[in-house]
Amino acid sequence: ELVGWNVIDLISTESLDSALGAEVRLIVLDLAGRG
């Protein structure tokens, strides 16, 4: 859908530092049944 964009997939927020420096326009976070 987003041709020309980067899509970075992570298992948890513990890995967020790996994306530092990227032009992040949106973050999609799994609610995972949590309130």
PDB file of all heavy atoms in Angstrom:
ATOM      1  N   GLU A   1       0.817  -1.219   0.000  1.00  0.00           N
ATOM      2  CA  GLU A   1       0.000   0.000   0.000  1.00  0.00           C
ATOM      3  C   GLU A   1       0.850   1.267   0.000  1.00  0.00           C
ATOM      4  O   GLU A   1       0.506   2.245  -0.662  1.00  0.00           O
ATOM      5  CB  GLU A   1      -0.915   0.000   1.238  1.00  0.00           C
ATOM      6  CG  GLU A   1      -1.849   1.194   1.332  1.00  0.00           C
ATOM      7  CD  GLU A   1      -2.932   1.184   0.278  1.00  0.00           C
ATOM      8  OE1 GLU A   1      -3.155   0.128  -0.365  1.00  0.00           O
ATOM      9  OE2 GLU A   1      -3.567   2.241   0.087  1.00  0.00           O
ATOM     10  N   LEU A   2       1.949   1.254   0.740  1.00  0.00           N
ATOM     11  CA  LEU A   2       2.774   2.451   0.912  1.00  0.00           C
ATOM     12  C   LEU A   2       4.087   2.271   0.158  1.00  0.00           C
ATOM     13  O   LEU A   2       5.157   2.092   0.761  1.00  0.00           O
ATOM     14  CB  LEU A   2       3.030   2.719   2.396  1.00  0.00           C
ATOM     15  CG  LEU A   2       1.789   2.954   3.265  1.00  0.00           C
ATOM     16  CD1 LEU A   2       2.171   3.079   4.731  1.00  0.00           C
ATOM     17  CD2 LEU A   2       1.019   4.189   2.803  1.00  0.00           C
ATOM     18  N   VAL A   3       4.011   2.326  -1.137  1.00  0.00           N
ATOM     19  CA  VAL A   3       5.188   2.135  -1.980  1.00  0.00           C
ATOM     20  C   VAL A   3       6.187   3.261  -1.734  1.00  0.00           C
ATOM     21  O   VAL A   3       5.826   4.439  -1.699  1.00  0.00           O
ATOM     22  CB  VAL A   3       4.788   2.101  -3.473  1.00  0.00           C
ATOM     23  CG1 VAL A   3       6.026   1.955  -4.359  1.00  0.00           C
ATOM     24  CG2 VAL A   3       3.806   0.966  -3.726  1.00  0.00           C
ATOM     25  N   GLY A   4       7.442   2.890  -1.520  1.00  0.00           N
ATOM     26  CA  GLY A   4       8.468   3.888  -1.256  1.00  0.00           C
ATOM     27  C   GLY A   4       8.675   4.183   0.213  1.00  0.00           C
ATOM     28  O   GLY A   4       9.581   4.932   0.582  1.00  0.00           O
ATOM     29  N   TRP A   5       7.828   3.601   1.064  1.00  0.00           N
ATOM     30  CA  TRP A   5       7.964   3.784   2.508  1.00  0.00           C
ATOM     31  C   TRP A   5       8.759   2.621   3.103  1.00  0.00           C
ATOM     32  O   TRP A   5       8.812   1.536   2.549  1.00  0.00           O
ATOM     33  CB  TRP A   5       6.582   3.810   3.176  1.00  0.00           C
ATOM     34  CG  TRP A   5       5.803   5.057   2.953  1.00  0.00           C
ATOM     35  CD1 TRP A   5       5.489   5.638   1.763  1.00  0.00           C
ATOM     36  CD2 TRP A   5       5.205   5.872   3.969  1.00  0.00           C
ATOM     37  NE1 TRP A   5       4.735   6.766   1.954  1.00  0.00           N
ATOM     38  CE2 TRP A   5       4.543   6.931   3.304  1.00  0.00           C
ATOM     39  CE3 TRP A   5       5.163   5.819   5.353  1.00  0.00           C
ATOM     40  CZ2 TRP A   5       3.853   7.925   3.998  1.00  0.00           C
ATOM     41  CZ3 TRP A   5       4.474   6.797   6.047  1.00  0.00           C
ATOM     42  CH2 TRP A   5       3.828   7.848   5.371  1.00  0.00           C
ATOM     43  N   ASN A   6       9.357   2.866   4.265  1.00  0.00           N
ATOM     44  CA  ASN A   6       9.933   1.796   5.067  1.00  0.00           C
ATOM     45  C   ASN A   6       8.868   1.261   6.013  1.00  0.00           C
ATOM     46  O   ASN A   6       8.115   2.050   6.607  1.00  0.00           O
ATOM     47  CB  ASN A   6      11.108   2.306   5.910  1.00  0.00           C
ATOM     48  CG  ASN A   6      12.314   2.645   5.070  1.00  0.00           C
ATOM     49  OD1 ASN A   6      12.663   1.916   4.146  1.00  0.00           O
ATOM     50  ND2 ASN A   6      12.948   3.765   5.381  1.00  0.00           N
ATOM     51  N   VAL A   7       8.814  -0.045   6.172  1.00  0.00           N
ATOM     52  CA  VAL A   7       7.943  -0.662   7.170  1.00  0.00           C
ATOM     53  C   VAL A   7       8.839  -1.477   8.093  1.00  0.00           C
ATOM     54  O   VAL A   7       9.429  -2.473   7.680  1.00  0.00           O
ATOM     55  CB  VAL A   7       6.873  -1.556   6.525  1.00  0.00           C
ATOM     56  CG1 VAL A   7       5.974  -2.152   7.606  1.00  0.00           C
ATOM     57  CG2 VAL A   7       6.038  -0.768   5.525  1.00  0.00           C
ATOM     58  N   ILE A   8       8.976  -1.023   9.328  1.00  0.00           N
ATOM     59  CA  ILE A   8       9.842  -1.690  10.311  1.00  0.00           C
ATOM     60  C   ILE A   8       8.966  -2.487  11.264  1.00  0.00           C
ATOM     61  O   ILE A   8       8.026  -1.953  11.859  1.00  0.00           O
ATOM     62  CB  ILE A   8      10.652  -0.658  11.111  1.00  0.00           C
ATOM     63  CG1 ILE A   8      11.508   0.186  10.164  1.00  0.00           C
ATOM     64  CG2 ILE A   8      11.523  -1.348  12.153  1.00  0.00           C
ATOM     65  CD1 ILE A   8      12.272   1.285  10.872  1.00  0.00           C
ATOM     66  N   ASP A   9       9.247  -3.759  11.411  1.00  0.00           N
ATOM     67  CA  ASP A   9       8.451  -4.597  12.316  1.00  0.00           C
ATOM     68  C   ASP A   9       9.281  -4.994  13.535  1.00  0.00           C
ATOM     69  O   ASP A   9      10.425  -5.413  13.433  1.00  0.00           O
ATOM     70  CB  ASP A   9       7.921  -5.836  11.601  1.00  0.00           C
ATOM     71  CG  ASP A   9       9.024  -6.704  11.025  1.00  0.00           C
ATOM     72  OD1 ASP A   9       9.794  -6.209  10.191  1.00  0.00           O
ATOM     73  OD2 ASP A   9       9.116  -7.888  11.414  1.00  0.00           O
ATOM     74  N   LEU A  10       8.676  -4.819  14.707  1.00  0.00           N
ATOM     75  CA  LEU A  10       9.312  -5.126  15.975  1.00  0.00           C
ATOM     76  C   LEU A  10       8.388  -5.991  16.817  1.00  0.00           C
ATOM     77  O   LEU A  10       7.163  -5.884  16.723  1.00  0.00           O
ATOM     78  CB  LEU A  10       9.635  -3.840  16.745  1.00  0.00           C
ATOM     79  CG  LEU A  10      10.473  -2.773  16.029  1.00  0.00           C
ATOM     80  CD1 LEU A  10      10.558  -1.520  16.893  1.00  0.00           C
ATOM     81  CD2 LEU A  10      11.850  -3.306  15.714  1.00  0.00           C
ATOM     82  N   ILE A  11       8.973  -6.818  17.661  1.00  0.00           N
ATOM     83  CA  ILE A  11       8.179  -7.661  18.549  1.00  0.00           C
ATOM     84  C   ILE A  11       7.767  -6.903  19.809  1.00  0.00           C
ATOM     85  O   ILE A  11       6.711  -7.153  20.384  1.00  0.00           O
ATOM     86  CB  ILE A  11       8.954  -8.945  18.902  1.00  0.00           C
ATOM     87  CG1 ILE A  11       9.008  -9.862  17.682  1.00  0.00           C
ATOM     88  CG2 ILE A  11       8.334  -9.678  20.072  1.00  0.00           C
ATOM     89  CD1 ILE A  11       9.787 -11.126  17.901  1.00  0.00           C
ATOM     90  N   SER A  12       8.591  -5.966  20.228  1.00  0.00           N
ATOM     91  CA  SER A  12       8.262  -5.205  21.433  1.00  0.00           C
ATOM     92  C   SER A  12       8.921  -3.829  21.368  1.00  0.00           C
ATOM     93  O   SER A  12       9.778  -3.561  20.522  1.00  0.00           O
ATOM     94  CB  SER A  12       8.745  -5.951  22.687  1.00  0.00           C
ATOM     95  OG  SER A  12      10.156  -5.853  22.805  1.00  0.00           O
ATOM     96  N   THR A  13       8.518  -2.964  22.296  1.00  0.00           N
ATOM     97  CA  THR A  13       9.106  -1.622  22.353  1.00  0.00           C
ATOM     98  C   THR A  13      10.555  -1.662  22.799  1.00  0.00           C
ATOM     99  O   THR A  13      11.260  -0.656  22.693  1.00  0.00           O
ATOM    100  CB  THR A  13       8.294  -0.719  23.307  1.00  0.00           C
ATOM    101  OG1 THR A  13       8.197  -1.355  24.601  1.00  0.00           O
ATOM    102  CG2 THR A  13       6.899  -0.456  22.779  1.00  0.00           C
ATOM    103  N   GLU A  14      11.027  -2.816  23.303  1.00  0.00           N
ATOM    104  CA  GLU A  14      12.426  -2.939  23.705  1.00  0.00           C
ATOM    105  C   GLU A  14      13.376  -2.741  22.527  1.00  0.00           C
ATOM    106  O   GLU A  14      14.556  -2.424  22.717  1.00  0.00           O
ATOM    107  CB  GLU A  14      12.666  -4.307  24.349  1.00  0.00           C
ATOM    108  CG  GLU A  14      11.936  -4.508  25.668  1.00  0.00           C
ATOM    109  CD  GLU A  14      12.144  -5.904  26.227  1.00  0.00           C
ATOM    110  OE1 GLU A  14      12.888  -6.682  25.599  1.00  0.00           O
ATOM    111  OE2 GLU A  14      11.561  -6.204  27.281  1.00  0.00           O
ATOM    112  N   SER A  15      12.858  -2.934  21.309  1.00  0.00           N
ATOM    113  CA  SER A  15      13.701  -2.828  20.118  1.00  0.00           C
ATOM    114  C   SER A  15      13.583  -1.471  19.422  1.00  0.00           C
ATOM    115  O   SER A  15      14.113  -1.297  18.329  1.00  0.00           O
ATOM    116  CB  SER A  15      13.333  -3.935  19.129  1.00  0.00           C
ATOM    117  OG  SER A  15      13.433  -5.201  19.735  1.00  0.00           O
ATOM    118  N   LEU A  16      12.885  -0.507  20.032  1.00  0.00           N
ATOM    119  CA  LEU A  16      12.641   0.771  19.370  1.00  0.00           C
ATOM    120  C   LEU A  16      13.915   1.525  19.002  1.00  0.00           C
ATOM    121  O   LEU A  16      13.947   2.251  18.009  1.00  0.00           O
ATOM    122  CB  LEU A  16      11.764   1.666  20.260  1.00  0.00           C
ATOM    123  CG  LEU A  16      10.258   1.437  20.184  1.00  0.00           C
ATOM    124  CD1 LEU A  16       9.559   2.251  21.269  1.00  0.00           C
ATOM    125  CD2 LEU A  16       9.718   1.804  18.808  1.00  0.00           C
ATOM    126  N   ASP A  17      14.962   1.342  19.781  1.00  0.00           N
ATOM    127  CA  ASP A  17      16.202   2.066  19.489  1.00  0.00           C
ATOM    128  C   ASP A  17      16.754   1.728  18.114  1.00  0.00           C
ATOM    129  O   ASP A  17      17.500   2.520  17.522  1.00  0.00           O
ATOM    130  CB  ASP A  17      17.252   1.754  20.555  1.00  0.00           C
ATOM    131  CG  ASP A  17      16.966   2.466  21.875  1.00  0.00           C
ATOM    132  OD1 ASP A  17      16.107   3.379  21.878  1.00  0.00           O
ATOM    133  OD2 ASP A  17      17.581   2.101  22.896  1.00  0.00           O
ATOM    134  N   SER A  18      16.390   0.556  17.582  1.00  0.00           N
ATOM    135  CA  SER A  18      16.887   0.157  16.261  1.00  0.00           C
ATOM    136  C   SER A  18      16.344   1.057  15.155  1.00  0.00           C
ATOM    137  O   SER A  18      16.888   1.093  14.054  1.00  0.00           O
ATOM    138  CB  SER A  18      16.512  -1.301  15.963  1.00  0.00           C
ATOM    139  OG  SER A  18      15.109  -1.447  15.815  1.00  0.00           O
ATOM    140  N   ALA A  19      15.265   1.789  15.441  1.00  0.00           N
ATOM    141  CA  ALA A  19      14.647   2.658  14.429  1.00  0.00           C
ATOM    142  C   ALA A  19      15.024   4.120  14.598  1.00  0.00           C
ATOM    143  O   ALA A  19      14.571   4.960  13.827  1.00  0.00           O
ATOM    144  CB  ALA A  19      13.124   2.513  14.486  1.00  0.00           C
ATOM    145  N   LEU A  20      15.831   4.446  15.590  1.00  0.00           N
ATOM    146  CA  LEU A  20      16.219   5.841  15.810  1.00  0.00           C
ATOM    147  C   LEU A  20      16.918   6.396  14.571  1.00  0.00           C
ATOM    148  O   LEU A  20      17.761   5.740  13.965  1.00  0.00           O
ATOM    149  CB  LEU A  20      17.142   5.949  17.026  1.00  0.00           C
ATOM    150  CG  LEU A  20      16.488   5.704  18.387  1.00  0.00           C
ATOM    151  CD1 LEU A  20      17.539   5.719  19.494  1.00  0.00           C
ATOM    152  CD2 LEU A  20      15.400   6.730  18.670  1.00  0.00           C
ATOM    153  N   GLY A  21      16.559   7.594  14.202  1.00  0.00           N
ATOM    154  CA  GLY A  21      17.111   8.217  13.016  1.00  0.00           C
ATOM    155  C   GLY A  21      16.227   8.100  11.798  1.00  0.00           C
ATOM    156  O   GLY A  21      16.420   8.822  10.821  1.00  0.00           O
ATOM    157  N   ALA A  22      15.240   7.204  11.859  1.00  0.00           N
ATOM    158  CA  ALA A  22      14.307   7.052  10.743  1.00  0.00           C
ATOM    159  C   ALA A  22      13.249   8.148  10.794  1.00  0.00           C
ATOM    160  O   ALA A  22      12.959   8.710  11.854  1.00  0.00           O
ATOM    161  CB  ALA A  22      13.632   5.680  10.787  1.00  0.00           C
ATOM    162  N   GLU A  23      12.655   8.443   9.639  1.00  0.00           N
ATOM    163  CA  GLU A  23      11.596   9.449   9.532  1.00  0.00           C
ATOM    164  C   GLU A  23      10.261   8.769   9.831  1.00  0.00           C
ATOM    165  O   GLU A  23       9.503   8.412   8.932  1.00  0.00           O
ATOM    166  CB  GLU A  23      11.593  10.052   8.127  1.00  0.00           C
ATOM    167  CG  GLU A  23      10.587  11.165   7.925  1.00  0.00           C
ATOM    168  CD  GLU A  23      10.879  12.384   8.773  1.00  0.00           C
ATOM    169  OE1 GLU A  23      12.070  12.643   9.055  1.00  0.00           O
ATOM    170  OE2 GLU A  23       9.921  13.059   9.161  1.00  0.00           O
ATOM    171  N   VAL A  24       9.978   8.573  11.114  1.00  0.00           N
ATOM    172  CA  VAL A  24       8.816   7.796  11.531  1.00  0.00           C
ATOM    173  C   VAL A  24       7.549   8.646  11.453  1.00  0.00           C
ATOM    174  O   VAL A  24       7.424   9.660  12.135  1.00  0.00           O
ATOM    175  CB  VAL A  24       9.007   7.233  12.951  1.00  0.00           C
ATOM    176  CG1 VAL A  24       7.767   6.466  13.390  1.00  0.00           C
ATOM    177  CG2 VAL A  24      10.242   6.335  13.005  1.00  0.00           C
ATOM    178  N   ARG A  25       6.606   8.202  10.630  1.00  0.00           N
ATOM    179  CA  ARG A  25       5.349   8.933  10.438  1.00  0.00           C
ATOM    180  C   ARG A  25       4.181   8.296  11.177  1.00  0.00           C
ATOM    181  O   ARG A  25       3.151   8.922  11.366  1.00  0.00           O
ATOM    182  CB  ARG A  25       5.004   8.966   8.946  1.00  0.00           C
ATOM    183  CG  ARG A  25       6.070   9.611   8.065  1.00  0.00           C
ATOM    184  CD  ARG A  25       6.101  11.118   8.198  1.00  0.00           C
ATOM    185  NE  ARG A  25       7.091  11.699   7.304  1.00  0.00           N
ATOM    186  CZ  ARG A  25       6.874  11.973   6.027  1.00  0.00           C
ATOM    187  NH1 ARG A  25       5.689  11.725   5.482  1.00  0.00           N
ATOM    188  NH2 ARG A  25       7.830  12.495   5.282  1.00  0.00           N
ATOM    189  N   LEU A  26       4.336   7.037  11.593  1.00  0.00           N
ATOM    190  CA  LEU A  26       3.239   6.343  12.278  1.00  0.00           C
ATOM    191  C   LEU A  26       3.800   5.139  13.020  1.00  0.00           C
ATOM    192  O   LEU A  26       4.690   4.445  12.518  1.00  0.00           O
ATOM    193  CB  LEU A  26       2.183   5.864  11.269  1.00  0.00           C
ATOM    194  CG  LEU A  26       1.015   5.051  11.837  1.00  0.00           C
ATOM    195  CD1 LEU A  26       0.141   5.918  12.744  1.00  0.00           C
ATOM    196  CD2 LEU A  26       0.157   4.468  10.711  1.00  0.00           C
ATOM    197  N   ILE A  27       3.266   4.899  14.224  1.00  0.00           N
ATOM    198  CA  ILE A  27       3.609   3.705  14.993  1.00  0.00           C
ATOM    199  C   ILE A  27       2.326   2.961  15.313  1.00  0.00           C
ATOM    200  O   ILE A  27       1.374   3.530  15.852  1.00  0.00           O
ATOM    201  CB  ILE A  27       4.354   4.067  16.288  1.00  0.00           C
ATOM    202  CG1 ILE A  27       5.689   4.751  15.950  1.00  0.00           C
ATOM    203  CG2 ILE A  27       4.599   2.826  17.140  1.00  0.00           C
ATOM    204  CD1 ILE A  27       6.463   5.238  17.150  1.00  0.00           C
ATOM    205  N   VAL A  28       2.295   1.689  14.952  1.00  0.00           N
ATOM    206  CA  VAL A  28       1.133   0.830  15.191  1.00  0.00           C
ATOM    207  C   VAL A  28       1.504  -0.150  16.291  1.00  0.00           C
ATOM    208  O   VAL A  28       2.435  -0.950  16.143  1.00  0.00           O
ATOM    209  CB  VAL A  28       0.733   0.068  13.909  1.00  0.00           C
ATOM    210  CG1 VAL A  28      -0.510  -0.777  14.175  1.00  0.00           C
ATOM    211  CG2 VAL A  28       0.478   1.043  12.764  1.00  0.00           C
ATOM    212  N   LEU A  29       0.791  -0.097  17.405  1.00  0.00           N
ATOM    213  CA  LEU A  29       1.106  -0.904  18.580  1.00  0.00           C
ATOM    214  C   LEU A  29      -0.017  -1.891  18.869  1.00  0.00           C
ATOM    215  O   LEU A  29      -1.188  -1.510  18.931  1.00  0.00           O
ATOM    216  CB  LEU A  29       1.313   0.013  19.792  1.00  0.00           C
ATOM    217  CG  LEU A  29       1.530  -0.653  21.158  1.00  0.00           C
ATOM    218  CD1 LEU A  29       2.834  -1.447  21.176  1.00  0.00           C
ATOM    219  CD2 LEU A  29       1.537   0.410  22.257  1.00  0.00           C
ATOM    220  N   ASP A  30       0.346  -3.151  19.069  1.00  0.00           N
ATOM    221  CA  ASP A  30      -0.647  -4.177  19.389  1.00  0.00           C
ATOM    222  C   ASP A  30      -1.144  -3.990  20.819  1.00  0.00           C
ATOM    223  O   ASP A  30      -0.346  -3.899  21.764  1.00  0.00           O
ATOM    224  CB  ASP A  30      -0.015  -5.561  19.228  1.00  0.00           C
ATOM    225  CG  ASP A  30      -0.998  -6.689  19.526  1.00  0.00           C
ATOM    226  OD1 ASP A  30      -2.225  -6.465  19.388  1.00  0.00           O
ATOM    227  OD2 ASP A  30      -0.543  -7.783  19.886  1.00  0.00           O
ATOM    228  N   LEU A  31      -2.472  -3.923  20.967  1.00  0.00           N
ATOM    229  CA  LEU A  31      -3.061  -3.808  22.296  1.00  0.00           C
ATOM    230  C   LEU A  31      -2.890  -5.117  23.071  1.00  0.00           C
ATOM    231  O   LEU A  31      -2.789  -5.126  24.302  1.00  0.00           O
ATOM    232  CB  LEU A  31      -4.542  -3.441  22.175  1.00  0.00           C
ATOM    233  CG  LEU A  31      -5.258  -2.961  23.430  1.00  0.00           C
ATOM    234  CD1 LEU A  31      -4.551  -1.772  24.054  1.00  0.00           C
ATOM    235  CD2 LEU A  31      -6.697  -2.606  23.106  1.00  0.00           C
ATOM    236  N   ALA A  32      -2.897  -6.235  22.342  1.00  0.00           N
ATOM    237  CA  ALA A  32      -2.612  -7.561  22.926  1.00  0.00           C
ATOM    238  C   ALA A  32      -3.508  -7.903  24.121  1.00  0.00           C
ATOM    239  O   ALA A  32      -3.046  -8.473  25.115  1.00  0.00           O
ATOM    240  CB  ALA A  32      -1.140  -7.647  23.326  1.00  0.00           C
ATOM    241  N   GLY A  33      -4.769  -7.539  24.028  1.00  0.00           N
ATOM    242  CA  GLY A  33      -5.721  -7.891  25.076  1.00  0.00           C
ATOM    243  C   GLY A  33      -5.623  -7.044  26.325  1.00  0.00           C
ATOM    244  O   GLY A  33      -6.354  -7.283  27.299  1.00  0.00           O
ATOM    245  N   ARG A  34      -4.743  -6.060  26.322  1.00  0.00           N
ATOM    246  CA  ARG A  34      -4.578  -5.219  27.512  1.00  0.00           C
ATOM    247  C   ARG A  34      -5.643  -4.131  27.587  1.00  0.00           C
ATOM    248  O   ARG A  34      -6.188  -3.714  26.577  1.00  0.00           O
ATOM    249  CB  ARG A  34      -3.196  -4.554  27.507  1.00  0.00           C
ATOM    250  CG  ARG A  34      -2.042  -5.516  27.568  1.00  0.00           C
ATOM    251  CD  ARG A  34      -0.706  -4.812  27.398  1.00  0.00           C
ATOM    252  NE  ARG A  34      -0.519  -4.309  26.048  1.00  0.00           N
ATOM    253  CZ  ARG A  34       0.595  -3.718  25.623  1.00  0.00           C
ATOM    254  NH1 ARG A  34       1.603  -3.547  26.462  1.00  0.00           N
ATOM    255  NH2 ARG A  34       0.700  -3.293  24.375  1.00  0.00           N
ATOM    256  N   GLY A  35      -5.901  -3.681  28.777  1.00  0.00           N
ATOM    257  CA  GLY A  35      -6.767  -2.530  28.938  1.00  0.00           C
ATOM    258  C   GLY A  35      -6.004  -1.267  28.602  1.00  0.00           C
ATOM    259  O   GLY A  35      -4.772  -1.215  28.733  1.00  0.00           O
TER     260      GLY A  35
END
